[in-house]
Structure formats: structure tokens, C-alpha cells
Amino acid sequence: MSAHLPLHGKTALVTGVSRRRGIGFAVATKLASLGASIVIHHHRPHDLDLPWGGDDLDAVRDGIRAHLTEGARFADVAADLSDPSTIAGVIDTAEELAGGLDVLVCNHAKSGDDGSILDMTPERLSAFWEVNTRATMLLTAEFARRRAPQTEEQRRPGDRITGNGPYAEPQGHVFWMTSGQIHGAMRGEVAYAASKAALAGVTATVAADLLELGIVLNTVNPGPVNTGYMDPETTDRSLEGLDEYLASTPFGRVGRPEDPAELIAWLSTSAGGWVVGQVLTSDGGFSL
């Protein structure tokens, strides 16, 4: 390990990586450039139902491989995370790549087919919950269980987790992704905002559990990041007045996928290991 490649010898799993314009792709390439072996998860059928459509998965794979450093490995796995039975297999793929898993970035998300409170149905709410919230928690639980000490004593649900601390350094990193609902209204995105608010709301609780195992959890709100949905030809919303508004902001732009990727990458290294259980907004000041 060196300052130049602080993630050398580590393996990272990034979910929701199916488009080169996406945050997941930016995170995966950044972690690769720091020395990590990379496993990506994708579910391309979701993109095909949205205005921006699906990307070329071979181009996605090649783009990540181009950032790998010497000795690092790459693998990918397709899975519909709304199906809980896929969770263990995704973690298995990541662990089998290089013999372990060190960083879990839960970047996957369901988008589209949302609405206002008047549009909410049990099916719509469940669809967002299953992907954005439940799958994130189940991936985290699977990641953590495999690092928990194996004892013959039976744990009861709710018993405090007992690890092997104190730890000289983090034993793993987990990242969740929330959204702008923590700063203001997200009109027309009630189901999405609710699913992401649940993650932000339970971050401290889960982080306290994981910390007993030496695992560090943080949640990132990337703010408005143009992953294609703000381009006129692939948007799913009105862009009227956007250019004028952006011209009035201090930086004159919305976020780029590389912006949250830089934060997640730093937090994944030993330099960021003292930041624990936080909901961090990386939005260039938009929330102000």
C-alpha cells in the first residue's frame, strides 16, 4: 500500500453501475484508480424503461478496466435487487474475485414511475422500498454477517453485536446514497424520497451496530448531479429556466458524477476512516 495507491489489495463492490454517465461508474473508476479490485453490479432492464435508455455494458466494463492498476481484478454481476434471493450471490461474486470484500457502495436506485402523494399506491411505494431501501439494508447485513465472529452462543434479535475490537483501522467501509429530501421538497418524487429518507434516518443506528465489527458506514447525498436526466434529449422533467438559474449560482453548474465519487473514494481510504455514521451532503452549496 502507498499514498499513491491507498486501496491497493482491497476489493470494492459498487452496485448500480450500468451507465457511463452514472455516479456508480464514476465511483468504480475512481476506486480502481486508487488500486482497488472492482466488482460492479448492474440491472440494465431498469435503464431501458427510462428516457435515457440503456448503455453499452461492454463499454462500461472496458471503461472501468482502463482504470485498474497492476494486479487489480475486475468482475461484474447482473441482478434484480428487488428479489432478496439475489443478495447473497452478489456478495459472493465480490468476495470470490480476490478473496474478500472491503468496500461496499450501495449506489443502485429505482427511478421513474413516481408521483405526488395523490399518486401513491401500495405497489408504487413497495417497488421503491424494495430496491432503494430493503436491498441496501440486506446487502449491508450480508456484508456484515460474514465479518461477525462465529460463536456457539445464540444471539437473540436485538442483542448488542460483539466484535473483536479495538481495531487499529476500519475493517470495512459501507456507503449508502440518500437524496435531497433532507433539505427540502422533492415534488413528484414521493416514493423515491421516502425510500431514501429511510436510509438517511437509520444511518446512525446501523452505523453503531457495524462499528462493533470495525465497519464504517456513511451515507452520501450527492445533490443534483446530471447523469443524463438534465439533458434535453433524455430528460424526464421540465428544464425550463434551468440554464438561467445555474448561471446565478456560485459555480454555475450542477454536480458531475465525479464530485460524489471523489468524496466516497477519500472516505474509503485510511485518511477518511475517522468519519463515521454521518449523512454527508456533497452538493456545491445547492442546499444553501
C-alpha atoms as a PDB file:
ATOM      1  CA  MET A   1       0.000   0.000   0.000  1.00  0.00           C
ATOM      2  CA  SER A   2       1.207   3.504  -0.784  1.00  0.00           C
ATOM      3  CA  ALA A   3      -0.068   7.054  -0.704  1.00  0.00           C
ATOM      4  CA  HIS A   4      -0.418   6.846  -4.472  1.00  0.00           C
ATOM      5  CA  LEU A   5      -2.486   3.636  -4.370  1.00  0.00           C
ATOM      6  CA  PRO A   6      -4.157   3.678  -0.942  1.00  0.00           C
ATOM      7  CA  LEU A   7      -6.650   0.942  -1.925  1.00  0.00           C
ATOM      8  CA  HIS A   8      -4.069  -1.484  -3.293  1.00  0.00           C
ATOM      9  CA  GLY A   9      -5.044  -5.010  -2.272  1.00  0.00           C
ATOM     10  CA  LYS A  10      -8.625  -4.000  -1.448  1.00  0.00           C
ATOM     11  CA  THR A  11     -11.786  -5.076  -3.250  1.00  0.00           C
ATOM     12  CA  ALA A  12     -14.793  -2.813  -3.774  1.00  0.00           C
ATOM     13  CA  LEU A  13     -18.320  -3.733  -4.842  1.00  0.00           C
ATOM     14  CA  VAL A  14     -20.295  -0.887  -6.428  1.00  0.00           C
ATOM     15  CA  THR A  15     -23.947  -1.547  -7.185  1.00  0.00           C
ATOM     16  CA  GLY A  16     -25.993   0.185  -9.860  1.00  0.00           C
ATOM     17  CA  VAL A  17     -23.209   0.538 -12.445  1.00  0.00           C
ATOM     18  CA  SER A  18     -24.780   0.237 -15.885  1.00  0.00           C
ATOM     19  CA  ARG A  19     -24.200   3.653 -17.465  1.00  0.00           C
ATOM     20  CA  ARG A  20     -21.020   5.623 -18.117  1.00  0.00           C
ATOM     21  CA  ARG A  21     -22.907   8.799 -17.205  1.00  0.00           C
ATOM     22  CA  GLY A  22     -23.826   7.439 -13.786  1.00  0.00           C
ATOM     23  CA  ILE A  23     -22.459   8.058 -10.312  1.00  0.00           C
ATOM     24  CA  GLY A  24     -21.726   4.353  -9.900  1.00  0.00           C
ATOM     25  CA  PHE A  25     -19.426   4.321 -12.908  1.00  0.00           C
ATOM     26  CA  ALA A  26     -17.559   7.370 -11.600  1.00  0.00           C
ATOM     27  CA  VAL A  27     -17.170   5.747  -8.175  1.00  0.00           C
ATOM     28  CA  ALA A  28     -15.953   2.452  -9.661  1.00  0.00           C
ATOM     29  CA  THR A  29     -13.369   4.106 -11.902  1.00  0.00           C
ATOM     30  CA  LYS A  30     -12.104   6.325  -9.078  1.00  0.00           C
ATOM     31  CA  LEU A  31     -11.710   3.402  -6.671  1.00  0.00           C
ATOM     32  CA  ALA A  32      -9.959   1.452  -9.427  1.00  0.00           C
ATOM     33  CA  SER A  33      -7.512   4.308  -9.985  1.00  0.00           C
ATOM     34  CA  LEU A  34      -6.610   4.115  -6.285  1.00  0.00           C
ATOM     35  CA  GLY A  35      -5.626   0.460  -6.619  1.00  0.00           C
ATOM     36  CA  ALA A  36      -8.800  -1.457  -5.743  1.00  0.00           C
ATOM     37  CA  SER A  37     -10.086  -4.541  -7.496  1.00  0.00           C
ATOM     38  CA  ILE A  38     -13.601  -3.769  -8.671  1.00  0.00           C
ATOM     39  CA  VAL A  39     -16.846  -5.691  -8.868  1.00  0.00           C
ATOM     40  CA  ILE A  40     -19.833  -3.910 -10.362  1.00  0.00           C
ATOM     41  CA  HIS A  41     -23.481  -4.855 -10.195  1.00  0.00           C
ATOM     42  CA  HIS A  42     -25.923  -3.806 -12.916  1.00  0.00           C
ATOM     43  CA  HIS A  43     -29.572  -4.233 -13.874  1.00  0.00           C
ATOM     44  CA  ARG A  44     -29.833  -2.839 -17.404  1.00  0.00           C
ATOM     45  CA  PRO A  45     -33.587  -3.520 -17.857  1.00  0.00           C
ATOM     46  CA  HIS A  46     -34.270  -0.665 -15.437  1.00  0.00           C
ATOM     47  CA  ASP A  47     -32.453   1.812 -17.690  1.00  0.00           C
ATOM     48  CA  LEU A  48     -34.259   0.614 -20.798  1.00  0.00           C
ATOM     49  CA  ASP A  49     -37.551   1.773 -19.271  1.00  0.00           C
ATOM     50  CA  LEU A  50     -36.278   5.320 -18.694  1.00  0.00           C
ATOM     51  CA  PRO A  51     -35.837   8.259 -21.099  1.00  0.00           C
ATOM     52  CA  TRP A  52     -32.025   7.999 -21.149  1.00  0.00           C
ATOM     53  CA  GLY A  53     -32.123   4.307 -22.060  1.00  0.00           C
ATOM     54  CA  GLY A  54     -29.507   1.628 -21.561  1.00  0.00           C
ATOM     55  CA  ASP A  55     -25.789   1.979 -22.154  1.00  0.00           C
ATOM     56  CA  ASP A  56     -23.415  -0.476 -23.839  1.00  0.00           C
ATOM     57  CA  LEU A  57     -22.354  -2.750 -20.977  1.00  0.00           C
ATOM     58  CA  ASP A  58     -19.190  -3.783 -22.789  1.00  0.00           C
ATOM     59  CA  ALA A  59     -18.202  -0.122 -22.965  1.00  0.00           C
ATOM     60  CA  VAL A  60     -18.977   0.229 -19.255  1.00  0.00           C
ATOM     61  CA  ARG A  61     -16.760  -2.750 -18.450  1.00  0.00           C
ATOM     62  CA  ASP A  62     -13.943  -1.517 -20.689  1.00  0.00           C
ATOM     63  CA  GLY A  63     -14.118   1.939 -19.137  1.00  0.00           C
ATOM     64  CA  ILE A  64     -13.576   0.539 -15.651  1.00  0.00           C
ATOM     65  CA  ARG A  65     -10.858  -1.895 -16.717  1.00  0.00           C
ATOM     66  CA  ALA A  66      -8.944   1.026 -18.216  1.00  0.00           C
ATOM     67  CA  HIS A  67      -8.553   2.474 -14.704  1.00  0.00           C
ATOM     68  CA  LEU A  68      -7.374  -0.706 -12.978  1.00  0.00           C
ATOM     69  CA  THR A  69      -3.838  -0.685 -11.631  1.00  0.00           C
ATOM     70  CA  GLU A  70      -1.326  -3.501 -11.917  1.00  0.00           C
ATOM     71  CA  GLY A  71      -2.531  -6.688 -10.246  1.00  0.00           C
ATOM     72  CA  ALA A  72      -6.093  -5.478  -9.676  1.00  0.00           C
ATOM     73  CA  ARG A  73      -9.023  -7.551 -10.895  1.00  0.00           C
ATOM     74  CA  PHE A  74     -12.471  -6.865 -12.310  1.00  0.00           C
ATOM     75  CA  ALA A  75     -15.790  -8.711 -12.395  1.00  0.00           C
ATOM     76  CA  ASP A  76     -19.431  -7.820 -12.915  1.00  0.00           C
ATOM     77  CA  VAL A  77     -22.737  -9.371 -11.967  1.00  0.00           C
ATOM     78  CA  ALA A  78     -26.290  -8.780 -13.209  1.00  0.00           C
ATOM     79  CA  ALA A  79     -29.066  -8.960 -10.630  1.00  0.00           C
ATOM     80  CA  ASP A  80     -32.519  -7.567  -9.918  1.00  0.00           C
ATOM     81  CA  LEU A  81     -32.052  -6.448  -6.330  1.00  0.00           C
ATOM     82  CA  SER A  82     -35.792  -6.205  -5.784  1.00  0.00           C
ATOM     83  CA  ASP A  83     -35.521 -10.001  -5.423  1.00  0.00           C
ATOM     84  CA  PRO A  84     -33.961 -10.713  -1.996  1.00  0.00           C
ATOM     85  CA  SER A  85     -32.685 -14.085  -3.183  1.00  0.00           C
ATOM     86  CA  THR A  86     -30.070 -12.321  -5.355  1.00  0.00           C
ATOM     87  CA  ILE A  87     -28.334 -10.572  -2.455  1.00  0.00           C
ATOM     88  CA  ALA A  88     -26.049 -13.374  -1.288  1.00  0.00           C
ATOM     89  CA  GLY A  89     -24.938 -14.142  -4.840  1.00  0.00           C
ATOM     90  CA  VAL A  90     -23.887 -10.548  -5.473  1.00  0.00           C
ATOM     91  CA  ILE A  91     -21.761 -10.552  -2.308  1.00  0.00           C
ATOM     92  CA  ASP A  92     -20.387 -13.983  -3.245  1.00  0.00           C
ATOM     93  CA  THR A  93     -19.201 -12.681  -6.618  1.00  0.00           C
ATOM     94  CA  ALA A  94     -17.400  -9.792  -4.943  1.00  0.00           C
ATOM     95  CA  GLU A  95     -15.727 -11.933  -2.299  1.00  0.00           C
ATOM     96  CA  GLU A  96     -14.625 -14.566  -4.792  1.00  0.00           C
ATOM     97  CA  LEU A  97     -12.825 -12.051  -7.012  1.00  0.00           C
ATOM     98  CA  ALA A  98      -9.825 -11.587  -4.745  1.00  0.00           C
ATOM     99  CA  GLY A  99     -10.665 -13.498  -1.596  1.00  0.00           C
ATOM    100  CA  GLY A 100     -12.543 -10.830   0.323  1.00  0.00           C
ATOM    101  CA  LEU A 101     -14.590  -7.645   0.183  1.00  0.00           C
ATOM    102  CA  ASP A 102     -13.534  -4.375   1.791  1.00  0.00           C
ATOM    103  CA  VAL A 103     -15.756  -1.621   0.379  1.00  0.00           C
ATOM    104  CA  LEU A 104     -19.492  -1.830  -0.366  1.00  0.00           C
ATOM    105  CA  VAL A 105     -21.061   1.108  -2.221  1.00  0.00           C
ATOM    106  CA  CYS A 106     -24.849   0.759  -2.416  1.00  0.00           C
ATOM    107  CA  ASN A 107     -25.401   3.065  -5.370  1.00  0.00           C
ATOM    108  CA  HIS A 108     -28.307   1.233  -7.019  1.00  0.00           C
ATOM    109  CA  ALA A 109     -31.660   3.001  -7.147  1.00  0.00           C
ATOM    110  CA  LYS A 110     -35.063   2.743  -8.726  1.00  0.00           C
ATOM    111  CA  SER A 111     -36.106   5.906 -10.554  1.00  0.00           C
ATOM    112  CA  GLY A 112     -39.096   6.859 -12.696  1.00  0.00           C
ATOM    113  CA  ASP A 113     -42.786   5.923 -12.308  1.00  0.00           C
ATOM    114  CA  ASP A 114     -43.106   8.112  -9.206  1.00  0.00           C
ATOM    115  CA  GLY A 115     -45.643  10.802  -8.373  1.00  0.00           C
ATOM    116  CA  SER A 116     -47.220  13.102  -5.827  1.00  0.00           C
ATOM    117  CA  ILE A 117     -48.941  11.912  -2.669  1.00  0.00           C
ATOM    118  CA  LEU A 118     -52.189  11.601  -4.652  1.00  0.00           C
ATOM    119  CA  ASP A 119     -50.482   9.081  -6.953  1.00  0.00           C
ATOM    120  CA  MET A 120     -49.247   6.754  -4.236  1.00  0.00           C
ATOM    121  CA  THR A 121     -50.375   3.141  -4.305  1.00  0.00           C
ATOM    122  CA  PRO A 122     -49.177   0.158  -2.278  1.00  0.00           C
ATOM    123  CA  GLU A 123     -47.461  -1.201  -5.392  1.00  0.00           C
ATOM    124  CA  ARG A 124     -45.602   2.024  -6.198  1.00  0.00           C
ATOM    125  CA  LEU A 125     -44.399   2.531  -2.644  1.00  0.00           C
ATOM    126  CA  SER A 126     -43.309  -1.099  -2.334  1.00  0.00           C
ATOM    127  CA  ALA A 127     -41.386  -1.005  -5.624  1.00  0.00           C
ATOM    128  CA  PHE A 128     -39.188   1.876  -4.440  1.00  0.00           C
ATOM    129  CA  TRP A 129     -38.814   0.447  -0.940  1.00  0.00           C
ATOM    130  CA  GLU A 130     -37.730  -2.963  -2.217  1.00  0.00           C
ATOM    131  CA  VAL A 131     -34.905  -1.622  -4.372  1.00  0.00           C
ATOM    132  CA  ASN A 132     -33.719   1.567  -2.710  1.00  0.00           C
ATOM    133  CA  THR A 133     -34.145   0.675   0.953  1.00  0.00           C
ATOM    134  CA  ARG A 134     -34.616  -3.040   1.513  1.00  0.00           C
ATOM    135  CA  ALA A 135     -31.907  -4.167  -0.915  1.00  0.00           C
ATOM    136  CA  THR A 136     -29.431  -1.669   0.559  1.00  0.00           C
ATOM    137  CA  MET A 137     -30.087  -2.949   4.083  1.00  0.00           C
ATOM    138  CA  LEU A 138     -29.903  -6.599   3.021  1.00  0.00           C
ATOM    139  CA  LEU A 139     -26.626  -6.089   1.160  1.00  0.00           C
ATOM    140  CA  THR A 140     -25.223  -4.377   4.245  1.00  0.00           C
ATOM    141  CA  ALA A 141     -26.470  -7.136   6.527  1.00  0.00           C
ATOM    142  CA  GLU A 142     -24.921  -9.840   4.335  1.00  0.00           C
ATOM    143  CA  PHE A 143     -21.625  -7.941   4.182  1.00  0.00           C
ATOM    144  CA  ALA A 144     -21.582  -7.565   7.981  1.00  0.00           C
ATOM    145  CA  ARG A 145     -22.648 -11.119   8.875  1.00  0.00           C
ATOM    146  CA  ARG A 146     -19.632 -12.502   7.068  1.00  0.00           C
ATOM    147  CA  ARG A 147     -17.363 -10.408   9.296  1.00  0.00           C
ATOM    148  CA  ALA A 148     -19.053 -11.168  12.590  1.00  0.00           C
ATOM    149  CA  PRO A 149     -17.212 -13.510  14.965  1.00  0.00           C
ATOM    150  CA  GLN A 150     -18.552 -17.044  14.797  1.00  0.00           C
ATOM    151  CA  THR A 151     -19.617 -18.203  18.246  1.00  0.00           C
ATOM    152  CA  GLU A 152     -21.670 -21.089  19.509  1.00  0.00           C
ATOM    153  CA  GLU A 153     -23.737 -18.761  21.676  1.00  0.00           C
ATOM    154  CA  GLN A 154     -27.091 -17.966  20.084  1.00  0.00           C
ATOM    155  CA  ARG A 155     -27.772 -14.270  19.526  1.00  0.00           C
ATOM    156  CA  ARG A 156     -31.301 -13.061  20.070  1.00  0.00           C
ATOM    157  CA  PRO A 157     -32.642 -10.374  17.689  1.00  0.00           C
ATOM    158  CA  GLY A 158     -31.691  -7.011  19.115  1.00  0.00           C
ATOM    159  CA  ASP A 159     -28.797  -8.229  21.252  1.00  0.00           C
ATOM    160  CA  ARG A 160     -25.797  -5.953  21.081  1.00  0.00           C
ATOM    161  CA  ILE A 161     -23.284  -7.098  18.486  1.00  0.00           C
ATOM    162  CA  THR A 162     -19.937  -8.202  19.909  1.00  0.00           C
ATOM    163  CA  GLY A 163     -16.868  -7.778  17.760  1.00  0.00           C
ATOM    164  CA  ASN A 164     -13.140  -8.213  18.232  1.00  0.00           C
ATOM    165  CA  GLY A 165     -12.248  -4.582  18.867  1.00  0.00           C
ATOM    166  CA  PRO A 166     -10.492  -2.356  19.469  1.00  0.00           C
ATOM    167  CA  TYR A 167      -9.429  -2.038  15.844  1.00  0.00           C
ATOM    168  CA  ALA A 168      -6.287  -0.363  14.574  1.00  0.00           C
ATOM    169  CA  GLU A 169      -8.134   0.665  11.401  1.00  0.00           C
ATOM    170  CA  PRO A 170     -11.536   0.177   9.770  1.00  0.00           C
ATOM    171  CA  GLN A 171     -12.298  -3.436   8.882  1.00  0.00           C
ATOM    172  CA  GLY A 172     -14.527  -2.394   6.005  1.00  0.00           C
ATOM    173  CA  HIS A 173     -16.458   0.526   4.565  1.00  0.00           C
ATOM    174  CA  VAL A 174     -20.124   0.763   3.571  1.00  0.00           C
ATOM    175  CA  PHE A 175     -21.695   3.662   1.704  1.00  0.00           C
ATOM    176  CA  TRP A 176     -25.379   4.381   1.290  1.00  0.00           C
ATOM    177  CA  MET A 177     -26.822   7.005  -1.033  1.00  0.00           C
ATOM    178  CA  THR A 178     -29.618   9.333   0.017  1.00  0.00           C
ATOM    179  CA  SER A 179     -31.077  12.353  -1.776  1.00  0.00           C
ATOM    180  CA  GLY A 180     -32.171  15.963  -1.390  1.00  0.00           C
ATOM    181  CA  GLN A 181     -35.258  15.171   0.683  1.00  0.00           C
ATOM    182  CA  ILE A 182     -33.195  16.025   3.747  1.00  0.00           C
ATOM    183  CA  HIS A 183     -33.019  19.667   2.608  1.00  0.00           C
ATOM    184  CA  GLY A 184     -36.382  20.386   1.005  1.00  0.00           C
ATOM    185  CA  ALA A 185     -39.343  19.204  -1.008  1.00  0.00           C
ATOM    186  CA  MET A 186     -38.901  16.805  -3.927  1.00  0.00           C
ATOM    187  CA  ARG A 187     -42.190  17.348  -5.729  1.00  0.00           C
ATOM    188  CA  GLY A 188     -43.405  14.434  -7.793  1.00  0.00           C
ATOM    189  CA  GLU A 189     -40.944  12.019  -6.170  1.00  0.00           C
ATOM    190  CA  VAL A 190     -42.741  10.935  -3.024  1.00  0.00           C
ATOM    191  CA  ALA A 191     -41.918   7.226  -3.253  1.00  0.00           C
ATOM    192  CA  TYR A 192     -38.272   7.854  -4.141  1.00  0.00           C
ATOM    193  CA  ALA A 193     -37.840  10.470  -1.400  1.00  0.00           C
ATOM    194  CA  ALA A 194     -39.456   8.206   1.184  1.00  0.00           C
ATOM    195  CA  SER A 195     -37.173   5.290   0.320  1.00  0.00           C
ATOM    196  CA  LYS A 196     -34.072   7.471   0.512  1.00  0.00           C
ATOM    197  CA  ALA A 197     -35.212   9.259   3.679  1.00  0.00           C
ATOM    198  CA  ALA A 198     -35.387   5.888   5.422  1.00  0.00           C
ATOM    199  CA  LEU A 199     -31.691   5.314   4.723  1.00  0.00           C
ATOM    200  CA  ALA A 200     -30.686   8.745   5.985  1.00  0.00           C
ATOM    201  CA  GLY A 201     -32.860   8.305   9.062  1.00  0.00           C
ATOM    202  CA  VAL A 202     -31.398   4.963  10.107  1.00  0.00           C
ATOM    203  CA  THR A 203     -27.762   5.717   9.265  1.00  0.00           C
ATOM    204  CA  ALA A 204     -26.660   6.385  12.845  1.00  0.00           C
ATOM    205  CA  THR A 205     -28.442   3.296  14.169  1.00  0.00           C
ATOM    206  CA  VAL A 206     -26.894   0.913  11.652  1.00  0.00           C
ATOM    207  CA  ALA A 207     -23.509   2.639  11.849  1.00  0.00           C
ATOM    208  CA  ALA A 208     -23.411   1.984  15.600  1.00  0.00           C
ATOM    209  CA  ASP A 209     -24.054  -1.717  15.002  1.00  0.00           C
ATOM    210  CA  LEU A 210     -21.476  -2.010  12.237  1.00  0.00           C
ATOM    211  CA  LEU A 211     -18.857  -0.166  14.247  1.00  0.00           C
ATOM    212  CA  GLU A 212     -18.835  -3.050  16.751  1.00  0.00           C
ATOM    213  CA  LEU A 213     -17.368  -5.080  13.864  1.00  0.00           C
ATOM    214  CA  GLY A 214     -14.982  -2.326  12.836  1.00  0.00           C
ATOM    215  CA  ILE A 215     -17.068  -1.496   9.744  1.00  0.00           C
ATOM    216  CA  VAL A 216     -17.582   2.177   8.947  1.00  0.00           C
ATOM    217  CA  LEU A 217     -20.888   3.308   7.410  1.00  0.00           C
ATOM    218  CA  ASN A 218     -21.553   6.743   5.945  1.00  0.00           C
ATOM    219  CA  THR A 219     -24.413   7.981   3.782  1.00  0.00           C
ATOM    220  CA  VAL A 220     -23.869  10.451   0.940  1.00  0.00           C
ATOM    221  CA  ASN A 221     -26.314  12.914  -0.540  1.00  0.00           C
ATOM    222  CA  PRO A 222     -24.739  13.883  -3.882  1.00  0.00           C
ATOM    223  CA  GLY A 223     -27.158  16.733  -4.531  1.00  0.00           C
ATOM    224  CA  PRO A 224     -28.261  17.461  -8.095  1.00  0.00           C
ATOM    225  CA  VAL A 225     -25.919  15.508 -10.378  1.00  0.00           C
ATOM    226  CA  ASN A 226     -26.526  15.413 -14.106  1.00  0.00           C
ATOM    227  CA  THR A 227     -26.395  11.756 -15.068  1.00  0.00           C
ATOM    228  CA  GLY A 228     -28.377  12.405 -18.247  1.00  0.00           C
ATOM    229  CA  TYR A 229     -31.715  13.389 -16.767  1.00  0.00           C
ATOM    230  CA  MET A 230     -30.921  17.091 -17.196  1.00  0.00           C
ATOM    231  CA  ASP A 231     -30.033  16.752 -20.882  1.00  0.00           C
ATOM    232  CA  PRO A 232     -32.849  17.975 -23.156  1.00  0.00           C
ATOM    233  CA  GLU A 233     -32.836  14.828 -25.274  1.00  0.00           C
ATOM    234  CA  THR A 234     -33.044  12.404 -22.330  1.00  0.00           C
ATOM    235  CA  THR A 235     -34.801  14.313 -19.549  1.00  0.00           C
ATOM    236  CA  ASP A 236     -37.901  13.164 -17.709  1.00  0.00           C
ATOM    237  CA  ARG A 237     -38.827  16.644 -16.435  1.00  0.00           C
ATOM    238  CA  SER A 238     -39.174  20.254 -17.478  1.00  0.00           C
ATOM    239  CA  LEU A 239     -35.854  22.091 -17.856  1.00  0.00           C
ATOM    240  CA  GLU A 240     -37.450  25.499 -18.322  1.00  0.00           C
ATOM    241  CA  GLY A 241     -35.333  28.184 -16.657  1.00  0.00           C
ATOM    242  CA  LEU A 242     -32.558  25.771 -15.640  1.00  0.00           C
ATOM    243  CA  ASP A 243     -29.758  27.494 -17.557  1.00  0.00           C
ATOM    244  CA  GLU A 244     -30.715  30.888 -16.159  1.00  0.00           C
ATOM    245  CA  TYR A 245     -30.861  29.513 -12.626  1.00  0.00           C
ATOM    246  CA  LEU A 246     -27.477  27.799 -12.887  1.00  0.00           C
ATOM    247  CA  ALA A 247     -25.910  30.986 -14.206  1.00  0.00           C
ATOM    248  CA  SER A 248     -26.913  32.658 -10.935  1.00  0.00           C
ATOM    249  CA  THR A 249     -25.221  30.041  -8.712  1.00  0.00           C
ATOM    250  CA  PRO A 250     -21.648  30.428  -7.416  1.00  0.00           C
ATOM    251  CA  PHE A 251     -20.216  27.590  -9.523  1.00  0.00           C
ATOM    252  CA  GLY A 252     -22.593  27.949 -12.462  1.00  0.00           C
ATOM    253  CA  ARG A 253     -23.268  24.230 -12.753  1.00  0.00           C
ATOM    254  CA  VAL A 254     -24.896  21.190 -11.184  1.00  0.00           C
ATOM    255  CA  GLY A 255     -22.866  18.302  -9.897  1.00  0.00           C
ATOM    256  CA  ARG A 256     -20.877  15.908 -12.032  1.00  0.00           C
ATOM    257  CA  PRO A 257     -20.686  12.178 -11.167  1.00  0.00           C
ATOM    258  CA  GLU A 258     -17.027  12.689 -10.315  1.00  0.00           C
ATOM    259  CA  ASP A 259     -17.947  15.030  -7.455  1.00  0.00           C
ATOM    260  CA  PRO A 260     -19.518  12.440  -5.097  1.00  0.00           C
ATOM    261  CA  ALA A 261     -17.051   9.844  -6.379  1.00  0.00           C
ATOM    262  CA  GLU A 262     -14.145  11.878  -5.020  1.00  0.00           C
ATOM    263  CA  LEU A 263     -15.788  12.034  -1.581  1.00  0.00           C
ATOM    264  CA  ILE A 264     -16.565   8.311  -1.451  1.00  0.00           C
ATOM    265  CA  ALA A 265     -13.061   7.436  -2.595  1.00  0.00           C
ATOM    266  CA  TRP A 266     -11.438   9.574   0.101  1.00  0.00           C
ATOM    267  CA  LEU A 267     -13.707   8.146   2.793  1.00  0.00           C
ATOM    268  CA  SER A 268     -12.720   4.634   1.634  1.00  0.00           C
ATOM    269  CA  THR A 269      -9.068   5.261   2.476  1.00  0.00           C
ATOM    270  CA  SER A 270      -7.394   5.362   5.871  1.00  0.00           C
ATOM    271  CA  ALA A 271      -7.403   9.158   5.638  1.00  0.00           C
ATOM    272  CA  GLY A 272     -11.199   9.201   5.866  1.00  0.00           C
ATOM    273  CA  GLY A 273     -11.558   6.454   8.448  1.00  0.00           C
ATOM    274  CA  TRP A 274     -12.419   8.790  11.333  1.00  0.00           C
ATOM    275  CA  VAL A 275     -15.663   9.925   9.662  1.00  0.00           C
ATOM    276  CA  VAL A 276     -18.329   7.522  10.917  1.00  0.00           C
ATOM    277  CA  GLY A 277     -22.123   7.349  10.796  1.00  0.00           C
ATOM    278  CA  GLN A 278     -22.641  10.649   9.005  1.00  0.00           C
ATOM    279  CA  VAL A 279     -25.128  11.798   6.381  1.00  0.00           C
ATOM    280  CA  LEU A 280     -22.876  13.931   4.198  1.00  0.00           C
ATOM    281  CA  THR A 281     -24.103  16.379   1.582  1.00  0.00           C
ATOM    282  CA  SER A 282     -21.797  16.968  -1.371  1.00  0.00           C
ATOM    283  CA  ASP A 283     -23.734  19.436  -3.488  1.00  0.00           C
ATOM    284  CA  GLY A 284     -21.606  22.506  -4.150  1.00  0.00           C
ATOM    285  CA  GLY A 285     -23.830  24.569  -1.861  1.00  0.00           C
ATOM    286  CA  PHE A 286     -27.171  23.907  -3.589  1.00  0.00           C
ATOM    287  CA  SER A 287     -28.816  23.087  -0.270  1.00  0.00           C
ATOM    288  CA  LEU A 288     -27.901  26.566   0.982  1.00  0.00           C
END
